[in-house]
Protein backbone atom coordinates (compact mmCIF):
# COMPACT_ATOMS: atom_id res chain seq x y z
CA MET A 1 98.51 -0.01 32.70
CA SER A 2 94.63 -0.11 32.51
CA THR A 3 94.06 2.26 35.37
CA PHE A 4 96.38 4.15 37.63
CA GLY A 5 98.13 1.66 39.80
CA SER A 6 96.74 -1.58 38.43
CA PRO A 7 98.45 -3.58 35.64
CA SER A 8 96.78 -4.80 32.57
CA PRO A 9 95.50 -8.46 32.63
CA ASP A 10 98.49 -9.50 30.50
CA ALA A 11 101.07 -7.80 32.50
CA ALA A 12 103.49 -10.43 33.96
CA VAL A 13 103.92 -9.25 37.50
CA TYR A 14 103.45 -12.15 40.01
CA VAL A 15 106.39 -14.32 40.96
CA ILE A 16 105.88 -18.11 41.20
CA SER A 17 105.39 -18.14 44.98
CA VAL A 18 102.64 -15.45 44.84
CA ALA A 19 100.96 -17.12 41.85
CA ALA A 20 101.01 -20.43 43.69
CA GLU A 21 99.49 -18.85 46.79
CA LEU A 22 96.83 -16.96 44.82
CA THR A 23 95.72 -20.01 42.92
CA GLY A 24 96.01 -22.52 45.77
CA LEU A 25 98.45 -24.69 43.80
CA HIS A 26 101.95 -25.84 44.61
CA PRO A 27 104.82 -24.12 42.76
CA GLN A 28 105.90 -27.44 41.43
CA THR A 29 102.43 -27.93 39.95
CA LEU A 30 102.77 -24.48 38.16
CA ARG A 31 106.21 -25.70 36.76
CA ALA A 32 104.62 -28.93 35.65
CA TYR A 33 101.76 -27.15 33.88
CA GLU A 34 104.45 -25.04 32.08
CA ARG A 35 106.30 -28.14 30.98
CA MET A 36 103.01 -29.61 29.71
CA GLY A 37 102.45 -26.48 27.63
CA LEU A 38 99.26 -25.53 29.58
CA ILE A 39 100.69 -22.18 30.70
CA ALA A 40 103.46 -19.89 29.34
CA PRO A 41 104.45 -17.39 32.00
CA GLY A 42 106.52 -14.43 31.19
CA ARG A 43 110.23 -14.41 32.01
CA THR A 44 112.52 -11.91 33.61
CA GLY A 45 115.92 -11.08 32.13
CA GLY A 46 117.42 -13.63 34.60
CA GLY A 47 114.94 -16.32 33.69
CA GLY A 48 112.47 -16.03 36.61
CA ARG A 49 108.90 -16.79 35.88
CA ARG A 50 106.29 -13.92 36.07
CA TYR A 51 102.58 -14.67 35.91
CA SER A 52 99.93 -12.28 34.73
CA HIS A 53 96.35 -12.08 35.97
CA ARG A 54 95.22 -13.85 32.85
CA ASP A 55 97.70 -16.65 33.68
CA LEU A 56 96.28 -16.93 37.20
CA GLU A 57 92.81 -17.28 35.76
CA ARG A 58 93.91 -19.98 33.47
CA LEU A 59 95.66 -21.86 36.37
CA ARG A 60 92.37 -21.67 38.30
CA GLU A 61 90.49 -23.12 35.45
CA ILE A 62 93.00 -25.96 35.08
CA ALA A 63 92.73 -26.64 38.76
CA ASP A 64 88.87 -26.65 38.62
CA LEU A 65 88.89 -29.02 35.52
CA THR A 66 91.40 -31.45 37.11
CA SER A 67 89.55 -31.47 40.40
CA ALA A 68 86.36 -32.41 38.49
CA GLY A 69 88.19 -35.49 37.33
CA ILE A 70 89.30 -34.35 33.82
CA GLY A 71 92.75 -35.53 32.78
CA ILE A 72 95.50 -33.19 31.57
CA GLU A 73 94.88 -34.15 27.89
CA GLY A 74 91.19 -33.32 28.40
CA VAL A 75 92.04 -30.03 29.97
CA ARG A 76 94.31 -29.17 27.07
CA ARG A 77 91.64 -30.12 24.56
CA ILE A 78 88.99 -28.03 26.47
CA MET A 79 91.30 -25.04 26.59
CA ASP A 80 92.08 -25.34 22.92
CA LEU A 81 88.46 -25.42 21.98
CA GLU A 82 87.83 -22.39 24.24
CA ASN A 83 90.60 -20.50 22.46
CA GLN A 84 89.05 -21.52 19.09
CA VAL A 85 85.59 -20.31 20.19
CA ASP A 86 87.09 -17.08 21.36
CA ALA A 87 88.90 -16.53 18.05
CA LEU A 88 85.71 -17.46 16.07
CA ARG A 89 83.67 -14.96 18.19
CA ALA A 90 86.25 -12.20 17.49
CA ARG A 91 86.21 -12.98 13.71
CA ASN A 92 82.45 -12.97 13.61
CA GLU A 93 82.39 -9.54 15.22
CA GLU A 94 84.83 -8.34 12.53
CA LEU A 95 82.77 -9.84 9.85
CA VAL A 96 79.44 -8.31 11.22
CA ALA A 97 81.12 -4.85 11.46
CA GLU A 98 82.41 -5.19 7.91
CA LEU A 99 79.00 -6.30 6.65
CA ASP A 100 77.39 -3.35 8.37
CA ALA A 101 79.79 -0.96 6.75
CA VAL A 102 79.12 -2.44 3.24
CA ARG A 103 75.35 -2.24 3.78
CA ARG A 104 75.72 1.45 4.85
CA GLY A 105 77.88 2.12 1.88
CA LEU A 106 75.46 0.34 -0.53
CA ALA A 107 72.38 2.26 1.05
CA ALA A 108 74.23 5.64 0.67
CA ARG A 109 75.04 4.86 -3.05
CA ALA A 110 71.58 3.70 -3.73
CA SER A 111 70.11 6.94 -2.42
CA LEU A 112 72.53 9.00 -4.61
CA ALA A 113 72.40 6.94 -7.78
CA PRO A 114 70.19 8.09 -10.61
CA ALA A 115 67.50 5.69 -11.98
CA ASN A 116 68.92 3.31 -14.48
CA LYS A 117 67.40 3.95 -17.92
CA LEU A 118 69.36 1.28 -19.80
CA PRO A 119 67.58 -1.66 -21.41
CA VAL A 120 67.63 -5.05 -19.71
CA LEU A 121 69.31 -7.80 -21.80
CA HIS A 122 68.25 -11.48 -21.49
CA GLN A 123 69.72 -14.34 -23.40
CA ALA A 124 67.02 -16.60 -24.79
CA VAL A 125 67.42 -20.40 -25.16
CA GLY A 126 67.78 -20.46 -28.94
CA GLN A 127 70.76 -18.16 -28.85
CA SER A 128 68.72 -15.12 -29.95
CA LEU A 129 69.02 -11.87 -28.11
CA VAL A 130 65.99 -10.32 -26.53
CA VAL A 131 65.97 -6.74 -25.53
CA TRP A 132 63.58 -5.50 -22.93
CA ARG A 133 62.94 -1.99 -22.13
CA ARG A 134 61.83 -0.89 -18.67
CA GLY A 135 58.70 1.16 -18.54
CA SER A 136 59.14 4.93 -17.97
């Protein structure tokens, strides 16, 4: 439960007749979309379908796309691409957070590390070794 009395967006709470009424679609259309793999409602122990708020949003999006003249395979492709974009955004946020943490760690170590007094070694072209000392 997200707040007192209201289910989370993923809680499967609506029976098919309520989901059909809320989305403006016929129950047979909801069943067809499920057979096509566009929607996957939850199931009760007895096998009854239960739709979540997120399922209803997806059904409305499917209805909007099909009413705009997009075929079912086009709808499937659009929804797959939207899922990929969402996953990439989430991964990008993870990587940005990880990078920020690494940068903070490097900055903290740099402020605590003593100055390096070791010589800098460079390999010359003729296989000889050149040693450079940093100025004091």
